[in-house]
Amino acid sequence: MNDRLVASTIVEALDRNGAQEMEDLYKSVQKLHADLEHRFFEETLMALEIQGILRVQGMTKDRHRVELARR
C-alpha cells in the first residue's frame, strides 16, 4: 500500500461526495485499499488535518465528521 495513494484517495472521496462521517469514509477508501488498517487511516487523516487540507469535527463521543477545509 502506498501512503500517498491513501491520502489522495481520501481527498478525492471527500471532493466527490462532500463531508462524510469518518466510518463511511473509511469504508469507501477501504474498497480501493483492501489492506488499509483503521489506525493508519486515522493517522493519515490527522496528517491531512495538520496540513490544512481537511477538518475533522467531533459529532458525538465516537462519531466524527470529515470535510475538506476549502469548502
PDB file of N, CA and C in Angstrom:
ATOM      1  N   MET A   1       0.837  -1.173   0.000  1.00  0.00           N
ATOM      2  CA  MET A   1       0.000   0.000   0.000  1.00  0.00           C
ATOM      3  C   MET A   1       0.884   1.240   0.000  1.00  0.00           C
ATOM      4  N   ASN A   2       0.576   2.158  -0.860  1.00  0.00           N
ATOM      5  CA  ASN A   2       1.320   3.402  -0.955  1.00  0.00           C
ATOM      6  C   ASN A   2       0.627   4.470  -0.107  1.00  0.00           C
ATOM      7  N   ASP A   3       1.373   5.072   0.816  1.00  0.00           N
ATOM      8  CA  ASP A   3       0.806   6.050   1.740  1.00  0.00           C
ATOM      9  C   ASP A   3       0.192   7.240   1.015  1.00  0.00           C
ATOM     10  N   ARG A   4       0.847   7.711  -0.011  1.00  0.00           N
ATOM     11  CA  ARG A   4       0.342   8.873  -0.752  1.00  0.00           C
ATOM     12  C   ARG A   4      -0.956   8.555  -1.484  1.00  0.00           C
ATOM     13  N   LEU A   5      -1.092   7.317  -1.939  1.00  0.00           N
ATOM     14  CA  LEU A   5      -2.324   6.945  -2.622  1.00  0.00           C
ATOM     15  C   LEU A   5      -3.512   6.972  -1.674  1.00  0.00           C
ATOM     16  N   VAL A   6      -3.301   6.562  -0.433  1.00  0.00           N
ATOM     17  CA  VAL A   6      -4.390   6.587   0.546  1.00  0.00           C
ATOM     18  C   VAL A   6      -4.811   8.031   0.807  1.00  0.00           C
ATOM     19  N   ALA A   7      -3.865   8.911   0.996  1.00  0.00           N
ATOM     20  CA  ALA A   7      -4.181  10.321   1.241  1.00  0.00           C
ATOM     21  C   ALA A   7      -4.933  10.928   0.060  1.00  0.00           C
ATOM     22  N   SER A   8      -4.473  10.656  -1.139  1.00  0.00           N
ATOM     23  CA  SER A   8      -5.154  11.229  -2.306  1.00  0.00           C
ATOM     24  C   SER A   8      -6.536  10.602  -2.501  1.00  0.00           C
ATOM     25  N   THR A   9      -6.691   9.338  -2.151  1.00  0.00           N
ATOM     26  CA  THR A   9      -7.997   8.694  -2.233  1.00  0.00           C
ATOM     27  C   THR A   9      -8.976   9.335  -1.253  1.00  0.00           C
ATOM     28  N   ILE A  10      -8.504   9.665  -0.057  1.00  0.00           N
ATOM     29  CA  ILE A  10      -9.348  10.326   0.935  1.00  0.00           C
ATOM     30  C   ILE A  10      -9.805  11.688   0.417  1.00  0.00           C
ATOM     31  N   VAL A  11      -8.873  12.472  -0.113  1.00  0.00           N
ATOM     32  CA  VAL A  11      -9.208  13.801  -0.617  1.00  0.00           C
ATOM     33  C   VAL A  11     -10.164  13.701  -1.796  1.00  0.00           C
ATOM     34  N   GLU A  12      -9.933  12.768  -2.694  1.00  0.00           N
ATOM     35  CA  GLU A  12     -10.817  12.599  -3.850  1.00  0.00           C
ATOM     36  C   GLU A  12     -12.219  12.186  -3.420  1.00  0.00           C
ATOM     37  N   ALA A  13     -12.322  11.296  -2.442  1.00  0.00           N
ATOM     38  CA  ALA A  13     -13.635  10.849  -1.963  1.00  0.00           C
ATOM     39  C   ALA A  13     -14.400  12.008  -1.332  1.00  0.00           C
ATOM     40  N   LEU A  14     -13.711  12.844  -0.572  1.00  0.00           N
ATOM     41  CA  LEU A  14     -14.372  13.996   0.039  1.00  0.00           C
ATOM     42  C   LEU A  14     -14.743  15.038  -1.011  1.00  0.00           C
ATOM     43  N   ASP A  15     -13.907  15.213  -2.010  1.00  0.00           N
ATOM     44  CA  ASP A  15     -14.196  16.162  -3.075  1.00  0.00           C
ATOM     45  C   ASP A  15     -15.406  15.708  -3.885  1.00  0.00           C
ATOM     46  N   ARG A  16     -15.490  14.429  -4.119  1.00  0.00           N
ATOM     47  CA  ARG A  16     -16.578  13.874  -4.924  1.00  0.00           C
ATOM     48  C   ARG A  16     -17.900  13.816  -4.147  1.00  0.00           C
ATOM     49  N   ASN A  17     -17.848  13.405  -2.871  1.00  0.00           N
ATOM     50  CA  ASN A  17     -19.070  13.148  -2.107  1.00  0.00           C
ATOM     51  C   ASN A  17     -19.380  14.192  -1.047  1.00  0.00           C
ATOM     52  N   GLY A  18     -18.494  15.135  -0.828  1.00  0.00           N
ATOM     53  CA  GLY A  18     -18.712  16.119   0.220  1.00  0.00           C
ATOM     54  C   GLY A  18     -18.369  15.545   1.589  1.00  0.00           C
ATOM     55  N   ALA A  19     -18.771  16.246   2.637  1.00  0.00           N
ATOM     56  CA  ALA A  19     -18.459  15.834   4.010  1.00  0.00           C
ATOM     57  C   ALA A  19     -19.093  14.474   4.306  1.00  0.00           C
ATOM     58  N   GLN A  20     -18.361  13.658   5.067  1.00  0.00           N
ATOM     59  CA  GLN A  20     -18.829  12.318   5.410  1.00  0.00           C
ATOM     60  C   GLN A  20     -18.474  12.008   6.848  1.00  0.00           C
ATOM     61  N   GLU A  21     -19.179  11.037   7.411  1.00  0.00           N
ATOM     62  CA  GLU A  21     -18.775  10.525   8.714  1.00  0.00           C
ATOM     63  C   GLU A  21     -17.513   9.699   8.522  1.00  0.00           C
ATOM     64  N   MET A  22     -16.680   9.663   9.541  1.00  0.00           N
ATOM     65  CA  MET A  22     -15.379   9.005   9.427  1.00  0.00           C
ATOM     66  C   MET A  22     -15.517   7.523   9.037  1.00  0.00           C
ATOM     67  N   GLU A  23     -16.465   6.814   9.620  1.00  0.00           N
ATOM     68  CA  GLU A  23     -16.612   5.388   9.312  1.00  0.00           C
ATOM     69  C   GLU A  23     -17.061   5.167   7.874  1.00  0.00           C
ATOM     70  N   ASP A  24     -17.943   6.016   7.365  1.00  0.00           N
ATOM     71  CA  ASP A  24     -18.372   5.897   5.969  1.00  0.00           C
ATOM     72  C   ASP A  24     -17.211   6.168   5.020  1.00  0.00           C
ATOM     73  N   LEU A  25     -16.412   7.169   5.351  1.00  0.00           N
ATOM     74  CA  LEU A  25     -15.235   7.480   4.544  1.00  0.00           C
ATOM     75  C   LEU A  25     -14.242   6.329   4.583  1.00  0.00           C
ATOM     76  N   TYR A  26     -14.039   5.745   5.754  1.00  0.00           N
ATOM     77  CA  TYR A  26     -13.120   4.611   5.893  1.00  0.00           C
ATOM     78  C   TYR A  26     -13.570   3.445   5.012  1.00  0.00           C
ATOM     79  N   LYS A  27     -14.850   3.158   5.008  1.00  0.00           N
ATOM     80  CA  LYS A  27     -15.365   2.045   4.197  1.00  0.00           C
ATOM     81  C   LYS A  27     -15.195   2.315   2.706  1.00  0.00           C
ATOM     82  N   SER A  28     -15.403   3.553   2.282  1.00  0.00           N
ATOM     83  CA  SER A  28     -15.248   3.851   0.852  1.00  0.00           C
ATOM     84  C   SER A  28     -13.782   3.806   0.424  1.00  0.00           C
ATOM     85  N   VAL A  29     -12.870   4.242   1.288  1.00  0.00           N
ATOM     86  CA  VAL A  29     -11.444   4.176   0.966  1.00  0.00           C
ATOM     87  C   VAL A  29     -10.957   2.726   1.021  1.00  0.00           C
ATOM     88  N   GLN A  30     -11.505   1.954   1.932  1.00  0.00           N
ATOM     89  CA  GLN A  30     -11.093   0.557   2.084  1.00  0.00           C
ATOM     90  C   GLN A  30     -11.494  -0.282   0.862  1.00  0.00           C
ATOM     91  N   LYS A  31     -12.499   0.139   0.122  1.00  0.00           N
ATOM     92  CA  LYS A  31     -12.879  -0.571  -1.100  1.00  0.00           C
ATOM     93  C   LYS A  31     -11.738  -0.553  -2.116  1.00  0.00           C
ATOM     94  N   LEU A  32     -10.978   0.537  -2.152  1.00  0.00           N
ATOM     95  CA  LEU A  32      -9.855   0.645  -3.079  1.00  0.00           C
ATOM     96  C   LEU A  32      -8.551   0.124  -2.487  1.00  0.00           C
ATOM     97  N   HIS A  33      -8.423   0.208  -1.176  1.00  0.00           N
ATOM     98  CA  HIS A  33      -7.215  -0.238  -0.477  1.00  0.00           C
ATOM     99  C   HIS A  33      -7.629  -1.272   0.563  1.00  0.00           C
ATOM    100  N   ALA A  34      -7.785  -2.509   0.127  1.00  0.00           N
ATOM    101  CA  ALA A  34      -8.340  -3.562   0.979  1.00  0.00           C
ATOM    102  C   ALA A  34      -7.500  -3.834   2.219  1.00  0.00           C
ATOM    103  N   ASP A  35      -6.202  -3.609   2.154  1.00  0.00           N
ATOM    104  CA  ASP A  35      -5.331  -3.895   3.290  1.00  0.00           C
ATOM    105  C   ASP A  35      -5.162  -2.691   4.225  1.00  0.00           C
ATOM    106  N   LEU A  36      -6.036  -1.714   4.121  1.00  0.00           N
ATOM    107  CA  LEU A  36      -5.951  -0.498   4.926  1.00  0.00           C
ATOM    108  C   LEU A  36      -6.362  -0.786   6.366  1.00  0.00           C
ATOM    109  N   GLU A  37      -5.489  -0.444   7.295  1.00  0.00           N
ATOM    110  CA  GLU A  37      -5.793  -0.596   8.713  1.00  0.00           C
ATOM    111  C   GLU A  37      -6.431   0.690   9.231  1.00  0.00           C
ATOM    112  N   HIS A  38      -7.322   0.563  10.191  1.00  0.00           N
ATOM    113  CA  HIS A  38      -8.043   1.726  10.715  1.00  0.00           C
ATOM    114  C   HIS A  38      -7.086   2.715  11.376  1.00  0.00           C
ATOM    115  N   ARG A  39      -6.088   2.212  12.059  1.00  0.00           N
ATOM    116  CA  ARG A  39      -5.120   3.097  12.721  1.00  0.00           C
ATOM    117  C   ARG A  39      -4.359   3.942  11.692  1.00  0.00           C
ATOM    118  N   PHE A  40      -3.923   3.318  10.588  1.00  0.00           N
ATOM    119  CA  PHE A  40      -3.215   4.061   9.550  1.00  0.00           C
ATOM    120  C   PHE A  40      -4.141   5.091   8.908  1.00  0.00           C
ATOM    121  N   PHE A  41      -5.403   4.726   8.726  1.00  0.00           N
ATOM    122  CA  PHE A  41      -6.392   5.654   8.169  1.00  0.00           C
ATOM    123  C   PHE A  41      -6.514   6.892   9.053  1.00  0.00           C
ATOM    124  N   GLU A  42      -6.618   6.688  10.363  1.00  0.00           N
ATOM    125  CA  GLU A  42      -6.735   7.812  11.285  1.00  0.00           C
ATOM    126  C   GLU A  42      -5.459   8.656  11.317  1.00  0.00           C
ATOM    127  N   GLU A  43      -4.299   8.011  11.224  1.00  0.00           N
ATOM    128  CA  GLU A  43      -3.040   8.758  11.177  1.00  0.00           C
ATOM    129  C   GLU A  43      -2.954   9.609   9.917  1.00  0.00           C
ATOM    130  N   THR A  44      -3.434   9.080   8.806  1.00  0.00           N
ATOM    131  CA  THR A  44      -3.439   9.827   7.547  1.00  0.00           C
ATOM    132  C   THR A  44      -4.395  11.009   7.635  1.00  0.00           C
ATOM    133  N   LEU A  45      -5.568  10.800   8.252  1.00  0.00           N
ATOM    134  CA  LEU A  45      -6.499  11.913   8.451  1.00  0.00           C
ATOM    135  C   LEU A  45      -5.870  13.006   9.297  1.00  0.00           C
ATOM    136  N   MET A  46      -5.158  12.613  10.348  1.00  0.00           N
ATOM    137  CA  MET A  46      -4.515  13.597  11.218  1.00  0.00           C
ATOM    138  C   MET A  46      -3.451  14.382  10.454  1.00  0.00           C
ATOM    139  N   ALA A  47      -2.673  13.698   9.630  1.00  0.00           N
ATOM    140  CA  ALA A  47      -1.645  14.378   8.839  1.00  0.00           C
ATOM    141  C   ALA A  47      -2.279  15.369   7.863  1.00  0.00           C
ATOM    142  N   LEU A  48      -3.373  14.973   7.232  1.00  0.00           N
ATOM    143  CA  LEU A  48      -4.061  15.871   6.297  1.00  0.00           C
ATOM    144  C   LEU A  48      -4.687  17.059   7.034  1.00  0.00           C
ATOM    145  N   GLU A  49      -5.147  16.826   8.262  1.00  0.00           N
ATOM    146  CA  GLU A  49      -5.711  17.911   9.050  1.00  0.00           C
ATOM    147  C   GLU A  49      -4.622  18.899   9.467  1.00  0.00           C
ATOM    148  N   ILE A  50      -3.466  18.402   9.851  1.00  0.00           N
ATOM    149  CA  ILE A  50      -2.348  19.271  10.228  1.00  0.00           C
ATOM    150  C   ILE A  50      -1.890  20.107   9.039  1.00  0.00           C
ATOM    151  N   GLN A  51      -1.932  19.527   7.849  1.00  0.00           N
ATOM    152  CA  GLN A  51      -1.538  20.251   6.631  1.00  0.00           C
ATOM    153  C   GLN A  51      -2.598  21.265   6.202  1.00  0.00           C
ATOM    154  N   GLY A  52      -3.766  21.231   6.823  1.00  0.00           N
ATOM    155  CA  GLY A  52      -4.823  22.173   6.498  1.00  0.00           C
ATOM    156  C   GLY A  52      -5.662  21.772   5.306  1.00  0.00           C
ATOM    157  N   ILE A  53      -5.604  20.514   4.922  1.00  0.00           N
ATOM    158  CA  ILE A  53      -6.346  20.042   3.754  1.00  0.00           C
ATOM    159  C   ILE A  53      -7.781  19.677   4.122  1.00  0.00           C
ATOM    160  N   LEU A  54      -7.971  19.126   5.318  1.00  0.00           N
ATOM    161  CA  LEU A  54      -9.312  18.758   5.744  1.00  0.00           C
ATOM    162  C   LEU A  54      -9.513  19.079   7.211  1.00  0.00           C
ATOM    163  N   ARG A  55     -10.784  18.982   7.641  1.00  0.00           N
ATOM    164  CA  ARG A  55     -11.158  19.212   9.036  1.00  0.00           C
ATOM    165  C   ARG A  55     -11.903  17.989   9.552  1.00  0.00           C
ATOM    166  N   VAL A  56     -11.627  17.630  10.794  1.00  0.00           N
ATOM    167  CA  VAL A  56     -12.348  16.551  11.461  1.00  0.00           C
ATOM    168  C   VAL A  56     -13.045  17.158  12.662  1.00  0.00           C
ATOM    169  N   GLN A  57     -14.372  17.012  12.709  1.00  0.00           N
ATOM    170  CA  GLN A  57     -15.156  17.585  13.795  1.00  0.00           C
ATOM    171  C   GLN A  57     -15.849  16.467  14.554  1.00  0.00           C
ATOM    172  N   GLY A  58     -15.811  16.549  15.873  1.00  0.00           N
ATOM    173  CA  GLY A  58     -16.495  15.558  16.695  1.00  0.00           C
ATOM    174  C   GLY A  58     -17.986  15.834  16.723  1.00  0.00           C
ATOM    175  N   MET A  59     -18.780  14.813  16.440  1.00  0.00           N
ATOM    176  CA  MET A  59     -20.237  14.946  16.488  1.00  0.00           C
ATOM    177  C   MET A  59     -20.751  14.413  17.828  1.00  0.00           C
ATOM    178  N   THR A  60     -20.339  13.209  18.157  1.00  0.00           N
ATOM    179  CA  THR A  60     -20.620  12.608  19.456  1.00  0.00           C
ATOM    180  C   THR A  60     -19.328  11.977  19.935  1.00  0.00           C
ATOM    181  N   LYS A  61     -19.419  11.191  20.983  1.00  0.00           N
ATOM    182  CA  LYS A  61     -18.217  10.599  21.567  1.00  0.00           C
ATOM    183  C   LYS A  61     -17.427   9.761  20.565  1.00  0.00           C
ATOM    184  N   ASP A  62     -18.122   8.981  19.748  1.00  0.00           N
ATOM    185  CA  ASP A  62     -17.424   8.073  18.832  1.00  0.00           C
ATOM    186  C   ASP A  62     -17.760   8.310  17.361  1.00  0.00           C
ATOM    187  N   ARG A  63     -18.369   9.433  17.050  1.00  0.00           N
ATOM    188  CA  ARG A  63     -18.673   9.756  15.652  1.00  0.00           C
ATOM    189  C   ARG A  63     -18.015  11.069  15.282  1.00  0.00           C
ATOM    190  N   HIS A  64     -17.406  11.097  14.091  1.00  0.00           N
ATOM    191  CA  HIS A  64     -16.702  12.288  13.627  1.00  0.00           C
ATOM    192  C   HIS A  64     -17.109  12.603  12.193  1.00  0.00           C
ATOM    193  N   ARG A  65     -17.143  13.877  11.883  1.00  0.00           N
ATOM    194  CA  ARG A  65     -17.456  14.340  10.532  1.00  0.00           C
ATOM    195  C   ARG A  65     -16.161  14.837   9.906  1.00  0.00           C
ATOM    196  N   VAL A  66     -15.901  14.408   8.667  1.00  0.00           N
ATOM    197  CA  VAL A  66     -14.687  14.799   7.952  1.00  0.00           C
ATOM    198  C   VAL A  66     -15.111  15.603   6.730  1.00  0.00           C
ATOM    199  N   GLU A  67     -14.471  16.760   6.534  1.00  0.00           N
ATOM    200  CA  GLU A  67     -14.786  17.595   5.382  1.00  0.00           C
ATOM    201  C   GLU A  67     -13.513  18.268   4.880  1.00  0.00           C
ATOM    202  N   LEU A  68     -13.535  18.649   3.625  1.00  0.00           N
ATOM    203  CA  LEU A  68     -12.406  19.388   3.058  1.00  0.00           C
ATOM    204  C   LEU A  68     -12.399  20.796   3.643  1.00  0.00           C
ATOM    205  N   ALA A  69     -11.241  21.325   3.916  1.00  0.00           N
ATOM    206  CA  ALA A  69     -11.114  22.646   4.536  1.00  0.00           C
ATOM    207  C   ALA A  69     -11.461  23.763   3.562  1.00  0.00           C
ATOM    208  N   ARG A  70     -11.299  23.539   2.284  1.00  0.00           N
ATOM    209  CA  ARG A  70     -11.526  24.620   1.323  1.00  0.00           C
ATOM    210  C   ARG A  70     -12.997  24.825   0.995  1.00  0.00           C
ATOM    211  N   ARG A  71     -13.874  23.998   1.512  1.00  0.00           N
ATOM    212  CA  ARG A  71     -15.303  24.138   1.229  1.00  0.00           C
ATOM    213  C   ARG A  71     -15.967  25.018   2.228  1.00  0.00           C
TER     214      ARG A  71
END
